């Protein structure tokens, strides 16, 4: 598995690393801080022999329901 390109990206409040493989595949990893993303971008630039799996889990945000906030009214 050969890495063609590594890109550091900002995603809202978090950071991500996009790894493009020579075969055309793309893997995206998200991190909580810029320092973490920069560290792993540097590791991926070194060309590891394997890449970690990409997590497909999504965390639910507390208070994300707009219907619940509207029904509650002002405090």
PDB file of N, CA and C in Angstrom:
ATOM      1  N   UNK A   1       0.857  -1.169   0.000  1.00  0.00           N
ATOM      2  CA  UNK A   1       0.000   0.000   0.000  1.00  0.00           C
ATOM      3  C   UNK A   1       0.904   1.234   0.000  1.00  0.00           C
ATOM      4  N   UNK A   2       0.906   1.930  -1.118  1.00  0.00           N
ATOM      5  CA  UNK A   2       1.738   3.116  -1.264  1.00  0.00           C
ATOM      6  C   UNK A   2       0.897   4.379  -1.108  1.00  0.00           C
ATOM      7  N   UNK A   3       1.427   5.331  -0.380  1.00  0.00           N
ATOM      8  CA  UNK A   3       0.729   6.594  -0.131  1.00  0.00           C
ATOM      9  C   UNK A   3       1.188   7.621  -1.157  1.00  0.00           C
ATOM     10  N   UNK A   4       0.234   8.219  -1.855  1.00  0.00           N
ATOM     11  CA  UNK A   4       0.537   9.226  -2.867  1.00  0.00           C
ATOM     12  C   UNK A   4       0.574  10.633  -2.271  1.00  0.00           C
ATOM     13  N   UNK A   5      -0.341  10.915  -1.326  1.00  0.00           N
ATOM     14  CA  UNK A   5      -0.441  12.281  -0.797  1.00  0.00           C
ATOM     15  C   UNK A   5      -1.055  12.249   0.595  1.00  0.00           C
ATOM     16  N   UNK A   6      -0.604  13.162   1.441  1.00  0.00           N
ATOM     17  CA  UNK A   6      -1.170  13.334   2.784  1.00  0.00           C
ATOM     18  C   UNK A   6      -1.536  14.805   2.935  1.00  0.00           C
ATOM     19  N   UNK A   7      -2.783  15.066   3.332  1.00  0.00           N
ATOM     20  CA  UNK A   7      -3.244  16.452   3.480  1.00  0.00           C
ATOM     21  C   UNK A   7      -3.862  16.650   4.859  1.00  0.00           C
ATOM     22  N   UNK A   8      -3.521  17.760   5.487  1.00  0.00           N
ATOM     23  CA  UNK A   8      -4.075  18.151   6.778  1.00  0.00           C
ATOM     24  C   UNK A   8      -5.270  19.062   6.505  1.00  0.00           C
ATOM     25  N   UNK A   9      -6.404  18.789   7.161  1.00  0.00           N
ATOM     26  CA  UNK A   9      -7.624  19.565   6.925  1.00  0.00           C
ATOM     27  C   UNK A   9      -8.258  19.983   8.248  1.00  0.00           C
ATOM     28  N   UNK A  10      -8.914  21.127   8.232  1.00  0.00           N
ATOM     29  CA  UNK A  10      -9.688  21.573   9.387  1.00  0.00           C
ATOM     30  C   UNK A  10     -11.150  21.269   9.117  1.00  0.00           C
ATOM     31  N   UNK A  11     -11.828  20.630  10.083  1.00  0.00           N
ATOM     32  CA  UNK A  11     -13.240  20.257   9.944  1.00  0.00           C
ATOM     33  C   UNK A  11     -14.000  20.821  11.128  1.00  0.00           C
ATOM     34  N   UNK A  12     -14.637  21.959  10.957  1.00  0.00           N
ATOM     35  CA  UNK A  12     -15.403  22.559  12.047  1.00  0.00           C
ATOM     36  C   UNK A  12     -14.517  22.818  13.253  1.00  0.00           C
ATOM     37  N   UNK A  13     -14.808  22.128  14.358  1.00  0.00           N
ATOM     38  CA  UNK A  13     -14.022  22.292  15.580  1.00  0.00           C
ATOM     39  C   UNK A  13     -12.867  21.293  15.665  1.00  0.00           C
ATOM     40  N   UNK A  14     -12.809  20.338  14.749  1.00  0.00           N
ATOM     41  CA  UNK A  14     -11.779  19.303  14.796  1.00  0.00           C
ATOM     42  C   UNK A  14     -10.840  19.391  13.605  1.00  0.00           C
ATOM     43  N   UNK A  15      -9.939  18.433  13.541  1.00  0.00           N
ATOM     44  CA  UNK A  15      -8.941  18.381  12.481  1.00  0.00           C
ATOM     45  C   UNK A  15      -8.952  16.998  11.860  1.00  0.00           C
ATOM     46  N   UNK A  16      -8.521  16.919  10.628  1.00  0.00           N
ATOM     47  CA  UNK A  16      -8.484  15.642   9.949  1.00  0.00           C
ATOM     48  C   UNK A  16      -7.258  15.504   9.072  1.00  0.00           C
ATOM     49  N   UNK A  17      -6.969  14.247   8.721  1.00  0.00           N
ATOM     50  CA  UNK A  17      -5.888  13.932   7.809  1.00  0.00           C
ATOM     51  C   UNK A  17      -6.496  13.107   6.690  1.00  0.00           C
ATOM     52  N   UNK A  18      -6.217  13.512   5.458  1.00  0.00           N
ATOM     53  CA  UNK A  18      -6.700  12.795   4.290  1.00  0.00           C
ATOM     54  C   UNK A  18      -5.497  12.119   3.638  1.00  0.00           C
ATOM     55  N   UNK A  19      -5.544  10.791   3.538  1.00  0.00           N
ATOM     56  CA  UNK A  19      -4.457  10.013   2.962  1.00  0.00           C
ATOM     57  C   UNK A  19      -4.938   9.466   1.615  1.00  0.00           C
ATOM     58  N   UNK A  20      -4.274   9.884   0.526  1.00  0.00           N
ATOM     59  CA  UNK A  20      -4.612   9.406  -0.809  1.00  0.00           C
ATOM     60  C   UNK A  20      -3.621   8.315  -1.188  1.00  0.00           C
ATOM     61  N   UNK A  21      -4.143   7.169  -1.588  1.00  0.00           N
ATOM     62  CA  UNK A  21      -3.311   6.031  -1.969  1.00  0.00           C
ATOM     63  C   UNK A  21      -3.020   6.073  -3.461  1.00  0.00           C
ATOM     64  N   UNK A  22      -1.911   5.470  -3.876  1.00  0.00           N
ATOM     65  CA  UNK A  22      -1.552   5.479  -5.292  1.00  0.00           C
ATOM     66  C   UNK A  22      -2.589   4.762  -6.143  1.00  0.00           C
ATOM     67  N   UNK A  23      -3.284   3.792  -5.586  1.00  0.00           N
ATOM     68  CA  UNK A  23      -4.323   3.084  -6.323  1.00  0.00           C
ATOM     69  C   UNK A  23      -5.590   3.897  -6.502  1.00  0.00           C
ATOM     70  N   UNK A  24      -5.653   5.086  -5.919  1.00  0.00           N
ATOM     71  CA  UNK A  24      -6.809   5.958  -6.068  1.00  0.00           C
ATOM     72  C   UNK A  24      -7.719   6.001  -4.856  1.00  0.00           C
ATOM     73  N   UNK A  25      -7.519   5.134  -3.875  1.00  0.00           N
ATOM     74  CA  UNK A  25      -8.345   5.157  -2.673  1.00  0.00           C
ATOM     75  C   UNK A  25      -7.992   6.321  -1.763  1.00  0.00           C
ATOM     76  N   UNK A  26      -8.948   6.716  -0.953  1.00  0.00           N
ATOM     77  CA  UNK A  26      -8.742   7.807  -0.006  1.00  0.00           C
ATOM     78  C   UNK A  26      -9.202   7.343   1.373  1.00  0.00           C
ATOM     79  N   UNK A  27      -8.403   7.626   2.382  1.00  0.00           N
ATOM     80  CA  UNK A  27      -8.796   7.356   3.768  1.00  0.00           C
ATOM     81  C   UNK A  27      -8.757   8.671   4.531  1.00  0.00           C
ATOM     82  N   UNK A  28      -9.799   8.894   5.330  1.00  0.00           N
ATOM     83  CA  UNK A  28      -9.886  10.133   6.112  1.00  0.00           C
ATOM     84  C   UNK A  28      -9.936   9.785   7.591  1.00  0.00           C
ATOM     85  N   UNK A  29      -9.116  10.471   8.361  1.00  0.00           N
ATOM     86  CA  UNK A  29      -9.047  10.266   9.805  1.00  0.00           C
ATOM     87  C   UNK A  29      -9.331  11.595  10.490  1.00  0.00           C
ATOM     88  N   UNK A  30     -10.106  11.558  11.569  1.00  0.00           N
ATOM     89  CA  UNK A  30     -10.437  12.783  12.316  1.00  0.00           C
ATOM     90  C   UNK A  30      -9.770  12.752  13.684  1.00  0.00           C
ATOM     91  N   UNK A  31      -9.334  13.927  14.124  1.00  0.00           N
ATOM     92  CA  UNK A  31      -8.657  14.072  15.411  1.00  0.00           C
ATOM     93  C   UNK A  31      -9.231  15.284  16.144  1.00  0.00           C
ATOM     94  N   UNK A  32      -9.115  15.266  17.455  1.00  0.00           N
ATOM     95  CA  UNK A  32      -9.673  16.324  18.281  1.00  0.00           C
ATOM     96  C   UNK A  32      -8.845  17.593  18.326  1.00  0.00           C
ATOM     97  N   UNK A  33      -7.557  17.495  17.996  1.00  0.00           N
ATOM     98  CA  UNK A  33      -6.717  18.691  18.074  1.00  0.00           C
ATOM     99  C   UNK A  33      -5.803  18.779  16.854  1.00  0.00           C
ATOM    100  N   UNK A  34      -5.334  19.979  16.599  1.00  0.00           N
ATOM    101  CA  UNK A  34      -4.403  20.198  15.492  1.00  0.00           C
ATOM    102  C   UNK A  34      -3.107  19.434  15.723  1.00  0.00           C
ATOM    103  N   UNK A  35      -2.637  19.398  16.973  1.00  0.00           N
ATOM    104  CA  UNK A  35      -1.388  18.697  17.287  1.00  0.00           C
ATOM    105  C   UNK A  35      -1.488  17.206  16.956  1.00  0.00           C
ATOM    106  N   UNK A  36      -2.612  16.581  17.300  1.00  0.00           N
ATOM    107  CA  UNK A  36      -2.801  15.164  16.985  1.00  0.00           C
ATOM    108  C   UNK A  36      -2.806  14.950  15.473  1.00  0.00           C
ATOM    109  N   UNK A  37      -3.519  15.790  14.758  1.00  0.00           N
ATOM    110  CA  UNK A  37      -3.616  15.647  13.307  1.00  0.00           C
ATOM    111  C   UNK A  37      -2.246  15.843  12.655  1.00  0.00           C
ATOM    112  N   UNK A  38      -1.482  16.829  13.114  1.00  0.00           N
ATOM    113  CA  UNK A  38      -0.151  17.062  12.553  1.00  0.00           C
ATOM    114  C   UNK A  38       0.788  15.882  12.839  1.00  0.00           C
ATOM    115  N   UNK A  39       0.703  15.323  14.026  1.00  0.00           N
ATOM    116  CA  UNK A  39       1.528  14.172  14.383  1.00  0.00           C
ATOM    117  C   UNK A  39       1.244  13.003  13.435  1.00  0.00           C
ATOM    118  N   UNK A  40      -0.045  12.668  13.270  1.00  0.00           N
ATOM    119  CA  UNK A  40      -0.382  11.532  12.426  1.00  0.00           C
ATOM    120  C   UNK A  40      -0.139  11.820  10.950  1.00  0.00           C
ATOM    121  N   UNK A  41      -0.276  13.054  10.510  1.00  0.00           N
ATOM    122  CA  UNK A  41       0.071  13.399   9.137  1.00  0.00           C
ATOM    123  C   UNK A  41       1.550  13.125   8.895  1.00  0.00           C
ATOM    124  N   UNK A  42       2.398  13.478   9.862  1.00  0.00           N
ATOM    125  CA  UNK A  42       3.836  13.209   9.745  1.00  0.00           C
ATOM    126  C   UNK A  42       4.109  11.707   9.710  1.00  0.00           C
ATOM    127  N   UNK A  43       3.409  10.944  10.537  1.00  0.00           N
ATOM    128  CA  UNK A  43       3.577   9.484  10.544  1.00  0.00           C
ATOM    129  C   UNK A  43       3.175   8.912   9.184  1.00  0.00           C
ATOM    130  N   UNK A  44       2.042   9.365   8.629  1.00  0.00           N
ATOM    131  CA  UNK A  44       1.596   8.861   7.333  1.00  0.00           C
ATOM    132  C   UNK A  44       2.570   9.252   6.218  1.00  0.00           C
ATOM    133  N   UNK A  45       3.196  10.419   6.326  1.00  0.00           N
ATOM    134  CA  UNK A  45       4.191  10.847   5.333  1.00  0.00           C
ATOM    135  C   UNK A  45       5.391   9.906   5.296  1.00  0.00           C
ATOM    136  N   UNK A  46       5.694   9.272   6.430  1.00  0.00           N
ATOM    137  CA  UNK A  46       6.814   8.330   6.482  1.00  0.00           C
ATOM    138  C   UNK A  46       6.519   7.036   5.718  1.00  0.00           C
ATOM    139  N   UNK A  47       5.254   6.810   5.381  1.00  0.00           N
ATOM    140  CA  UNK A  47       4.884   5.646   4.584  1.00  0.00           C
ATOM    141  C   UNK A  47       4.829   4.355   5.376  1.00  0.00           C
ATOM    142  N   UNK A  48       3.946   4.267   6.371  1.00  0.00           N
ATOM    143  CA  UNK A  48       3.846   3.025   7.147  1.00  0.00           C
ATOM    144  C   UNK A  48       3.430   1.860   6.246  1.00  0.00           C
ATOM    145  N   UNK A  49       3.744   0.644   6.671  1.00  0.00           N
ATOM    146  CA  UNK A  49       3.426  -0.530   5.854  1.00  0.00           C
ATOM    147  C   UNK A  49       1.936  -0.856   5.861  1.00  0.00           C
ATOM    148  N   UNK A  50       1.194  -0.358   6.832  1.00  0.00           N
ATOM    149  CA  UNK A  50      -0.259  -0.542   6.871  1.00  0.00           C
ATOM    150  C   UNK A  50      -0.891   0.684   7.507  1.00  0.00           C
ATOM    151  N   UNK A  51      -2.137   0.930   7.167  1.00  0.00           N
ATOM    152  CA  UNK A  51      -2.882   2.064   7.719  1.00  0.00           C
ATOM    153  C   UNK A  51      -3.942   1.547   8.677  1.00  0.00           C
ATOM    154  N   UNK A  52      -4.218   2.282   9.751  1.00  0.00           N
ATOM    155  CA  UNK A  52      -5.271   1.860  10.673  1.00  0.00           C
ATOM    156  C   UNK A  52      -6.638   1.942  10.000  1.00  0.00           C
ATOM    157  N   UNK A  53      -7.588   1.134  10.469  1.00  0.00           N
ATOM    158  CA  UNK A  53      -8.936   1.202   9.881  1.00  0.00           C
ATOM    159  C   UNK A  53      -9.586   2.545  10.192  1.00  0.00           C
ATOM    160  N   UNK A  54     -10.460   2.952   9.317  1.00  0.00           N
ATOM    161  CA  UNK A  54     -11.202   4.200   9.494  1.00  0.00           C
ATOM    162  C   UNK A  54     -12.462   3.880  10.281  1.00  0.00           C
ATOM    163  N   UNK A  55     -12.699   4.620  11.356  1.00  0.00           N
ATOM    164  CA  UNK A  55     -13.888   4.405  12.176  1.00  0.00           C
ATOM    165  C   UNK A  55     -15.101   4.986  11.465  1.00  0.00           C
ATOM    166  N   UNK A  56     -16.170   4.240  11.414  1.00  0.00           N
ATOM    167  CA  UNK A  56     -17.406   4.692  10.769  1.00  0.00           C
ATOM    168  C   UNK A  56     -18.438   5.150  11.792  1.00  0.00           C
ATOM    169  N   UNK A  57     -18.106   5.074  13.071  1.00  0.00           N
ATOM    170  CA  UNK A  57     -19.051   5.458  14.130  1.00  0.00           C
ATOM    171  C   UNK A  57     -19.261   6.952  14.174  1.00  0.00           C
ATOM    172  N   UNK A  58     -20.457   7.348  14.438  1.00  0.00           N
ATOM    173  CA  UNK A  58     -20.798   8.766  14.647  1.00  0.00           C
ATOM    174  C   UNK A  58     -21.297   8.912  16.066  1.00  0.00           C
ATOM    175  N   UNK A  59     -20.793   9.890  16.764  1.00  0.00           N
ATOM    176  CA  UNK A  59     -21.279  10.155  18.125  1.00  0.00           C
ATOM    177  C   UNK A  59     -22.456  11.109  18.066  1.00  0.00           C
ATOM    178  N   UNK A  60     -23.472  10.824  18.851  1.00  0.00           N
ATOM    179  CA  UNK A  60     -24.625  11.724  18.948  1.00  0.00           C
ATOM    180  C   UNK A  60     -24.253  12.888  19.857  1.00  0.00           C
ATOM    181  N   UNK A  61     -24.634  14.067  19.459  1.00  0.00           N
ATOM    182  CA  UNK A  61     -24.328  15.249  20.271  1.00  0.00           C
ATOM    183  C   UNK A  61     -25.450  15.504  21.256  1.00  0.00           C
ATOM    184  N   UNK A  62     -25.079  15.872  22.455  1.00  0.00           N
ATOM    185  CA  UNK A  62     -26.079  16.207  23.476  1.00  0.00           C
ATOM    186  C   UNK A  62     -26.799  17.478  23.057  1.00  0.00           C
ATOM    187  N   UNK A  63     -28.120  17.469  23.129  1.00  0.00           N
ATOM    188  CA  UNK A  63     -28.899  18.661  22.797  1.00  0.00           C
ATOM    189  C   UNK A  63     -28.988  18.936  21.314  1.00  0.00           C
ATOM    190  N   UNK A  64     -28.732  17.943  20.487  1.00  0.00           N
ATOM    191  CA  UNK A  64     -28.734  18.164  19.043  1.00  0.00           C
ATOM    192  C   UNK A  64     -30.142  18.236  18.476  1.00  0.00           C
ATOM    193  N   UNK A  65     -31.133  17.808  19.208  1.00  0.00           N
ATOM    194  CA  UNK A  65     -32.505  17.798  18.700  1.00  0.00           C
ATOM    195  C   UNK A  65     -33.119  19.195  18.794  1.00  0.00           C
ATOM    196  N   UNK A  66     -33.411  19.801  17.652  1.00  0.00           N
ATOM    197  CA  UNK A  66     -34.023  21.128  17.677  1.00  0.00           C
ATOM    198  C   UNK A  66     -35.480  21.045  18.123  1.00  0.00           C
ATOM    199  N   UNK A  67     -36.138  19.920  17.858  1.00  0.00           N
ATOM    200  CA  UNK A  67     -37.537  19.760  18.279  1.00  0.00           C
ATOM    201  C   UNK A  67     -37.623  19.746  19.798  1.00  0.00           C
ATOM    202  N   UNK A  68     -36.688  19.100  20.451  1.00  0.00           N
ATOM    203  CA  UNK A  68     -36.682  19.040  21.916  1.00  0.00           C
ATOM    204  C   UNK A  68     -36.460  20.410  22.535  1.00  0.00           C
ATOM    205  N   UNK A  69     -35.621  21.217  21.912  1.00  0.00           N
ATOM    206  CA  UNK A  69     -35.366  22.571  22.445  1.00  0.00           C
ATOM    207  C   UNK A  69     -36.578  23.470  22.227  1.00  0.00           C
ATOM    208  N   UNK A  70     -37.230  23.337  21.072  1.00  0.00           N
ATOM    209  CA  UNK A  70     -38.395  24.186  20.787  1.00  0.00           C
ATOM    210  C   UNK A  70     -39.561  23.864  21.714  1.00  0.00           C
ATOM    211  N   UNK A  71     -39.731  22.579  22.015  1.00  0.00           N
ATOM    212  CA  UNK A  71     -40.853  22.161  22.878  1.00  0.00           C
ATOM    213  C   UNK A  71     -40.644  22.633  24.305  1.00  0.00           C
ATOM    214  N   UNK A  72     -39.406  22.775  24.711  1.00  0.00           N
ATOM    215  CA  UNK A  72     -39.112  23.164  26.097  1.00  0.00           C
ATOM    216  C   UNK A  72     -39.372  24.632  26.356  1.00  0.00           C
ATOM    217  N   UNK A  73     -39.277  25.441  25.317  1.00  0.00           N
ATOM    218  CA  UNK A  73     -39.505  26.870  25.481  1.00  0.00           C
ATOM    219  C   UNK A  73     -38.376  27.553  26.245  1.00  0.00           C
ATOM    220  N   UNK A  74     -38.484  28.851  26.487  1.00  0.00           N
ATOM    221  CA  UNK A  74     -37.425  29.566  27.214  1.00  0.00           C
ATOM    222  C   UNK A  74     -37.402  29.168  28.685  1.00  0.00           C
ATOM    223  N   UNK A  75     -36.215  29.192  29.228  1.00  0.00           N
ATOM    224  CA  UNK A  75     -36.060  28.796  30.637  1.00  0.00           C
ATOM    225  C   UNK A  75     -36.337  29.898  31.589  1.00  0.00           C
TER     226      UNK A  75
END
